[in-house]
Amino acid sequence: MTCLSASTPRRTSNARGPCWSGARPFPETPVTEKKIISYQGEPGANSHIACEEVHPGWEPLPTPTFEDAFAAVSDGPASLAMIPIENSVAGRVADIHHLLPRSGLHIIGEHFLPIRFQLCAPKGAKLDSVKDVYSHVHALGQCRKIIRKLGLRAHVAADTAGSAREVAEWNDRAKASLATRLAAQIYGLDILMKDVEDEKHNTTRFIILSKNDERAAHGNGPTVTSFIFRVRNLPAALYKALGGFATNGVNMTKLESYMVEGQFFATMFYAEVDGHPDDLPLKRALEELEFFSREFRILGVYPAHPFRDTFKEVRE
């Protein structure tokens, strides 16, 4: 696996541990037959698995931060980035709403990944020898039941795969990691307990980013349109801006607000709707939205993932 070194702006090969890049500019891409897809995290992370599932023939490029994963596409050797945007248990991923509009990248696809956590420990460790468990804060929160049942002390790590690497390096049978099966394989850990997540429906949605605005073809199956907007400072501006979606029968599947410019009154909205901008109902709705907005931009038009067919409304 190829990754970027934090200490020098050169590409190196490291099959086990992380080699990061915070340096700019990115080094020149060496001659290779494989295309590159970047992700945030260390080898064995869920984002790594998502890369392998979507583009199994591509070279996954680990980066330490979301900013670096974006920059690997905009300024570096990667053609695409695989970025988690929300989880069915933990909710939306912090910072993505801020980073995506600034990056200049476009959403060209989505992927849904079932999340499975394994309790991993060094070779020879037994369940009753483990006292401490390490993982990402979200992973710890999604495995509360087993942590409580075993009476383990939970410690926050930068990410799931990174915690597996550290546990392998420490080689202490009292320490374990909550990580993926792939991470256990990469770092040579034993799996003491399988699939220990609290909720079996635990799923993370990823978006696939490109420097090119590769919009899905109109009329070629179910489509999702993602966009951001900021309404004018007028009474009922949001109500009026969204009215066109109701009157034109457009299904809005997501609407989230977040602060911008460090101000409480400066609110941006991120939204997703079913349909293609060339569909007449959505075209009319977006025109009405833009009229009442001081800022509006489409971030991506991409095929709806088949996993969406499993969405069911829970009725009491």
Protein backbone atom coordinates (compact mmCIF):
# COMPACT_ATOMS: atom_id res chain seq x y z
CA MET A 1 0.00 0.00 0.00
CA THR A 2 1.26 3.46 -0.83
CA CYS A 3 0.85 6.36 1.51
CA LEU A 4 2.30 9.77 2.17
CA SER A 5 4.99 10.46 4.72
CA ALA A 6 4.54 13.23 7.27
CA SER A 7 8.23 13.91 7.58
CA THR A 8 9.14 14.15 3.92
CA PRO A 9 7.15 15.02 0.82
CA ARG A 10 7.78 11.68 -0.88
CA ARG A 11 5.73 8.59 -1.49
CA THR A 12 6.69 5.50 0.46
CA SER A 13 5.37 1.99 0.81
CA ASN A 14 4.24 0.67 4.18
CA ALA A 15 1.95 -2.35 4.46
CA ARG A 16 1.39 -2.13 8.22
CA GLY A 17 1.51 1.29 9.77
CA PRO A 18 0.47 4.80 8.78
CA CYS A 19 2.51 7.11 6.56
CA TRP A 20 0.82 10.45 6.44
CA SER A 21 1.14 13.70 4.61
CA GLY A 22 0.51 17.11 6.02
CA ALA A 23 3.04 18.62 3.65
CA ARG A 24 2.11 20.68 0.62
CA PRO A 25 2.43 20.37 -2.27
CA PHE A 26 1.84 16.68 -2.78
CA PRO A 27 4.63 14.82 -4.54
CA GLU A 28 4.39 13.92 -8.16
CA THR A 29 2.49 10.71 -8.78
CA PRO A 30 4.80 7.87 -9.85
CA VAL A 31 4.04 5.90 -12.97
CA THR A 32 1.46 3.29 -11.97
CA GLU A 33 -1.33 1.36 -13.62
CA LYS A 34 -3.59 1.76 -10.60
CA LYS A 35 -5.77 4.75 -9.93
CA ILE A 36 -5.71 6.18 -6.41
CA ILE A 37 -8.58 6.83 -4.01
CA SER A 38 -7.89 8.69 -0.76
CA TYR A 39 -9.54 8.24 2.62
CA GLN A 40 -9.15 9.51 6.17
CA GLY A 41 -7.71 7.01 8.62
CA GLU A 42 -5.12 4.27 8.82
CA PRO A 43 -4.99 1.03 6.82
CA GLY A 44 -7.83 -1.21 7.99
CA ALA A 45 -10.28 1.62 8.75
CA ASN A 46 -13.91 1.38 7.66
CA SER A 47 -13.16 4.01 5.01
CA HIS A 48 -10.44 1.70 3.67
CA ILE A 49 -13.00 -1.11 3.41
CA ALA A 50 -15.42 1.21 1.58
CA CYS A 51 -12.67 2.05 -0.93
CA GLU A 52 -12.03 -1.65 -1.56
CA GLU A 53 -15.73 -2.37 -2.04
CA VAL A 54 -16.39 0.47 -4.48
CA HIS A 55 -13.11 0.34 -6.42
CA PRO A 56 -11.38 -3.00 -5.67
CA GLY A 57 -8.75 -2.44 -8.34
CA TRP A 58 -7.72 1.00 -7.11
CA GLU A 59 -4.93 1.88 -4.68
CA PRO A 60 -6.29 3.17 -1.34
CA LEU A 61 -4.36 6.16 -0.01
CA PRO A 62 -4.60 6.72 3.79
CA THR A 63 -4.43 10.29 5.11
CA PRO A 64 -4.49 11.59 8.70
CA THR A 65 -7.29 14.14 8.36
CA PHE A 66 -10.31 14.84 6.21
CA GLU A 67 -8.54 17.96 4.93
CA ASP A 68 -5.68 15.79 3.66
CA ALA A 69 -8.09 13.34 2.02
CA PHE A 70 -9.72 16.26 0.17
CA ALA A 71 -6.35 17.77 -0.75
CA ALA A 72 -5.11 14.44 -2.13
CA VAL A 73 -7.76 14.87 -4.84
CA SER A 74 -7.64 18.63 -5.40
CA ASP A 75 -3.84 19.00 -5.21
CA GLY A 76 -2.39 15.50 -5.19
CA PRO A 77 -2.25 12.06 -6.75
CA ALA A 78 -5.76 10.78 -5.99
CA SER A 79 -8.59 10.73 -8.52
CA LEU A 80 -11.31 10.22 -5.90
CA ALA A 81 -11.88 10.49 -2.15
CA MET A 82 -14.07 8.24 0.01
CA ILE A 83 -15.56 10.35 2.82
CA PRO A 84 -18.03 9.28 5.55
CA ILE A 85 -20.87 11.77 5.87
CA GLU A 86 -23.29 10.13 8.32
CA ASN A 87 -23.89 7.07 10.47
CA SER A 88 -27.25 5.52 11.28
CA VAL A 89 -26.39 5.43 15.00
CA ALA A 90 -23.96 8.33 15.60
CA GLY A 91 -25.49 10.83 13.16
CA ARG A 92 -23.65 13.16 10.80
CA VAL A 93 -19.86 13.28 10.68
CA ALA A 94 -18.56 16.55 12.08
CA ASP A 95 -16.73 19.01 9.82
CA ILE A 96 -17.73 17.46 6.49
CA HIS A 97 -20.43 20.09 5.90
CA HIS A 98 -17.80 22.81 6.35
CA LEU A 99 -15.02 21.14 4.38
CA LEU A 100 -16.96 19.94 1.36
CA PRO A 101 -18.14 23.34 0.02
CA ARG A 102 -14.67 24.85 0.50
CA SER A 103 -12.90 21.96 -1.21
CA GLY A 104 -14.32 22.62 -4.66
CA LEU A 105 -14.84 18.86 -5.10
CA HIS A 106 -18.03 17.28 -6.39
CA ILE A 107 -20.09 14.35 -5.13
CA ILE A 108 -20.27 11.71 -7.88
CA GLY A 109 -21.54 8.73 -5.89
CA GLU A 110 -22.47 7.25 -2.54
CA HIS A 111 -21.87 3.98 -0.71
CA PHE A 112 -23.45 2.38 2.35
CA LEU A 113 -21.25 0.18 4.55
CA PRO A 114 -22.54 -2.02 7.39
CA ILE A 115 -20.30 -1.36 10.40
CA ARG A 116 -18.97 -4.38 12.28
CA PHE A 117 -16.59 -4.09 15.23
CA GLN A 118 -14.31 -6.87 16.46
CA LEU A 119 -12.70 -7.01 19.90
CA CYS A 120 -9.04 -7.52 18.95
CA ALA A 121 -6.00 -8.19 21.13
CA PRO A 122 -2.38 -9.34 20.76
CA LYS A 123 -1.64 -12.99 20.04
CA GLY A 124 -2.17 -15.17 23.09
CA ALA A 125 -4.52 -12.77 24.87
CA LYS A 126 -7.63 -14.19 26.53
CA LEU A 127 -10.91 -12.44 27.16
CA ASP A 128 -10.40 -12.44 30.93
CA SER A 129 -6.94 -10.87 30.55
CA VAL A 130 -8.22 -7.72 28.81
CA LYS A 131 -8.73 -4.68 31.05
CA ASP A 132 -8.54 -1.72 28.65
CA VAL A 133 -10.09 -1.13 25.24
CA TYR A 134 -9.11 1.53 22.69
CA SER A 135 -10.95 2.89 19.67
CA HIS A 136 -12.47 5.95 18.03
CA VAL A 137 -14.94 7.82 20.21
CA HIS A 138 -17.85 6.84 17.92
CA ALA A 139 -16.83 3.18 17.96
CA LEU A 140 -16.70 3.17 21.76
CA GLY A 141 -20.14 4.77 21.83
CA GLN A 142 -21.49 2.15 19.45
CA CYS A 143 -20.16 -0.75 21.54
CA ARG A 144 -21.25 0.35 25.02
CA LYS A 145 -22.99 -2.91 25.88
CA ILE A 146 -19.95 -5.16 25.51
CA ILE A 147 -17.68 -2.63 27.22
CA ARG A 148 -20.05 -2.52 30.18
CA LYS A 149 -20.56 -6.29 30.22
CA LEU A 150 -16.82 -7.00 30.32
CA GLY A 151 -16.08 -4.12 32.71
CA LEU A 152 -13.45 -2.62 30.42
CA ARG A 153 -11.86 0.81 30.74
CA ALA A 154 -12.51 2.70 27.50
CA HIS A 155 -9.84 4.94 25.94
CA VAL A 156 -10.35 7.24 22.95
CA ALA A 157 -8.01 6.81 19.98
CA ALA A 158 -7.71 8.82 16.77
CA ASP A 159 -9.46 6.13 14.74
CA THR A 160 -10.37 2.44 14.86
CA ALA A 161 -7.53 1.13 12.71
CA GLY A 162 -5.04 3.35 14.52
CA SER A 163 -6.09 1.83 17.83
CA ALA A 164 -5.49 -1.66 16.38
CA ARG A 165 -2.00 -0.66 15.25
CA GLU A 166 -1.18 0.78 18.68
CA VAL A 167 -2.45 -2.31 20.51
CA ALA A 168 -0.28 -4.46 18.23
CA GLU A 169 2.76 -2.26 18.91
CA TRP A 170 2.24 -2.30 22.68
CA ASN A 171 1.84 -6.11 22.65
CA ASP A 172 0.14 -5.96 26.04
CA ARG A 173 -2.44 -8.71 26.54
CA ALA A 174 -4.38 -6.47 28.91
CA LYS A 175 -5.12 -4.01 26.07
CA ALA A 176 -7.59 -4.54 23.24
CA SER A 177 -8.99 -2.61 20.30
CA LEU A 178 -12.42 -2.24 18.76
CA ALA A 179 -11.65 -2.35 15.06
CA THR A 180 -12.50 -4.01 11.77
CA ARG A 181 -11.67 -7.55 10.74
CA LEU A 182 -9.33 -6.08 8.11
CA ALA A 183 -7.43 -4.11 10.76
CA ALA A 184 -6.99 -7.26 12.85
CA GLN A 185 -5.52 -9.01 9.81
CA ILE A 186 -3.22 -6.13 8.88
CA TYR A 187 -1.78 -5.70 12.38
CA GLY A 188 -1.69 -9.38 13.36
CA LEU A 189 -4.25 -9.30 16.18
CA ASP A 190 -6.48 -12.10 17.43
CA ILE A 191 -10.24 -11.53 17.38
CA LEU A 192 -11.54 -12.35 20.86
CA MET A 193 -15.18 -11.47 20.12
CA LYS A 194 -16.87 -10.92 16.76
CA ASP A 195 -19.41 -8.27 15.76
CA VAL A 196 -19.76 -6.61 19.17
CA GLU A 197 -21.60 -3.46 18.00
CA ASP A 198 -24.77 -2.61 19.92
CA GLU A 199 -26.97 -2.20 16.84
CA LYS A 200 -26.82 -4.70 13.99
CA HIS A 201 -28.30 -2.13 11.58
CA ASN A 202 -25.30 0.15 12.21
CA THR A 203 -24.44 1.59 8.80
CA THR A 204 -22.21 4.41 7.57
CA ARG A 205 -22.97 6.36 4.42
CA PHE A 206 -20.00 7.52 2.37
CA ILE A 207 -19.85 10.03 -0.44
CA ILE A 208 -17.39 9.70 -3.31
CA LEU A 209 -15.70 12.94 -4.34
CA SER A 210 -14.04 13.98 -7.58
CA LYS A 211 -12.37 17.10 -8.91
CA ASN A 212 -14.61 16.80 -11.97
CA ASP A 213 -18.33 17.56 -11.94
CA GLU A 214 -19.39 14.16 -13.29
CA ARG A 215 -23.16 14.38 -12.99
CA ALA A 216 -25.34 11.32 -13.41
CA ALA A 217 -27.07 11.09 -16.78
CA HIS A 218 -30.64 12.31 -16.82
CA GLY A 219 -33.23 9.54 -17.04
CA ASN A 220 -30.78 6.77 -16.15
CA GLY A 221 -32.33 5.49 -12.92
CA PRO A 222 -32.96 6.96 -9.44
CA THR A 223 -30.82 10.01 -8.73
CA VAL A 224 -29.86 12.11 -5.70
CA THR A 225 -29.08 15.83 -5.88
CA SER A 226 -27.07 17.40 -3.05
CA PHE A 227 -26.78 21.16 -2.60
CA ILE A 228 -26.11 23.95 -0.13
CA PHE A 229 -27.96 27.23 0.24
CA ARG A 230 -28.19 30.27 2.47
CA VAL A 231 -31.46 32.19 2.60
CA ARG A 232 -31.86 35.95 2.54
CA ASN A 233 -32.41 37.71 5.86
CA LEU A 234 -36.16 38.12 5.37
CA PRO A 235 -39.21 37.01 7.37
CA ALA A 236 -40.26 33.45 6.45
CA ALA A 237 -37.35 33.21 3.99
CA LEU A 238 -36.68 29.53 4.70
CA TYR A 239 -40.37 28.69 4.44
CA LYS A 240 -40.61 30.45 1.09
CA ALA A 241 -37.36 28.96 -0.19
CA LEU A 242 -38.55 25.42 0.51
CA GLY A 243 -42.11 25.94 -0.65
CA GLY A 244 -41.27 25.00 -4.22
CA PHE A 245 -40.35 21.46 -3.23
CA ALA A 246 -43.80 20.87 -1.73
CA THR A 247 -45.76 22.49 -4.56
CA ASN A 248 -43.77 20.57 -7.18
CA GLY A 249 -43.94 17.23 -5.38
CA VAL A 250 -40.18 16.86 -4.82
CA ASN A 251 -39.09 14.60 -1.96
CA MET A 252 -36.47 16.24 0.27
CA THR A 253 -34.62 13.46 2.10
CA LYS A 254 -32.23 15.61 4.12
CA LEU A 255 -32.07 19.17 5.46
CA GLU A 256 -29.36 20.14 7.93
CA SER A 257 -28.20 23.54 9.16
CA TYR A 258 -24.72 24.55 10.30
CA MET A 259 -23.05 27.79 11.32
CA VAL A 260 -20.57 29.55 9.04
CA GLU A 261 -18.15 32.46 9.45
CA GLY A 262 -18.12 31.89 13.22
CA GLN A 263 -21.43 33.71 13.61
CA PHE A 264 -24.66 32.51 15.23
CA PHE A 265 -26.77 34.33 12.67
CA ALA A 266 -24.85 33.06 9.62
CA THR A 267 -26.57 29.76 8.84
CA MET A 268 -25.95 27.53 5.84
CA PHE A 269 -28.18 24.60 4.89
CA TYR A 270 -27.15 21.28 3.39
CA ALA A 271 -29.94 19.43 1.58
CA GLU A 272 -30.55 16.32 -0.49
CA VAL A 273 -33.52 15.58 -2.72
CA ASP A 274 -34.67 12.73 -4.90
CA GLY A 275 -34.40 13.51 -8.58
CA HIS A 276 -32.25 15.13 -11.26
CA PRO A 277 -32.02 18.92 -11.82
CA ASP A 278 -33.21 18.33 -15.39
CA ASP A 279 -36.48 16.85 -14.07
CA LEU A 280 -39.04 19.62 -14.56
CA PRO A 281 -40.47 19.48 -10.98
CA LEU A 282 -37.01 19.66 -9.40
CA LYS A 283 -35.89 22.32 -11.86
CA ARG A 284 -38.81 24.54 -10.83
CA ALA A 285 -38.22 23.88 -7.13
CA LEU A 286 -34.54 24.80 -7.40
CA GLU A 287 -35.37 27.98 -9.31
CA GLU A 288 -37.70 29.05 -6.50
CA LEU A 289 -35.09 28.14 -3.88
CA GLU A 290 -32.43 30.16 -5.67
CA PHE A 291 -34.74 33.19 -5.87
CA PHE A 292 -35.07 33.32 -2.08
CA SER A 293 -31.41 32.46 -1.38
CA ARG A 294 -28.37 34.67 -1.18
CA GLU A 295 -26.16 31.66 -1.92
CA PHE A 296 -26.93 28.40 -3.69
CA ARG A 297 -24.70 25.67 -5.14
CA ILE A 298 -25.22 22.12 -6.31
CA LEU A 299 -22.56 19.82 -4.83
CA GLY A 300 -23.40 16.71 -6.78
CA VAL A 301 -25.91 14.80 -8.90
CA TYR A 302 -25.30 11.07 -8.57
CA PRO A 303 -26.98 7.65 -8.79
CA ALA A 304 -28.98 6.61 -5.72
CA HIS A 305 -27.37 3.58 -4.07
CA PRO A 306 -29.53 0.41 -4.08
CA PHE A 307 -29.33 0.36 -0.26
CA ARG A 308 -31.86 3.20 -0.29
CA ASP A 309 -34.49 0.66 -1.36
CA THR A 310 -34.28 -0.81 2.17
CA PHE A 311 -35.27 2.48 3.83
CA LYS A 312 -38.52 2.05 5.71
CA GLU A 313 -40.40 4.56 7.79
CA VAL A 314 -40.94 3.40 11.36
CA ARG A 315 -44.59 3.83 12.29
CA GLU A 316 -45.79 3.68 15.88
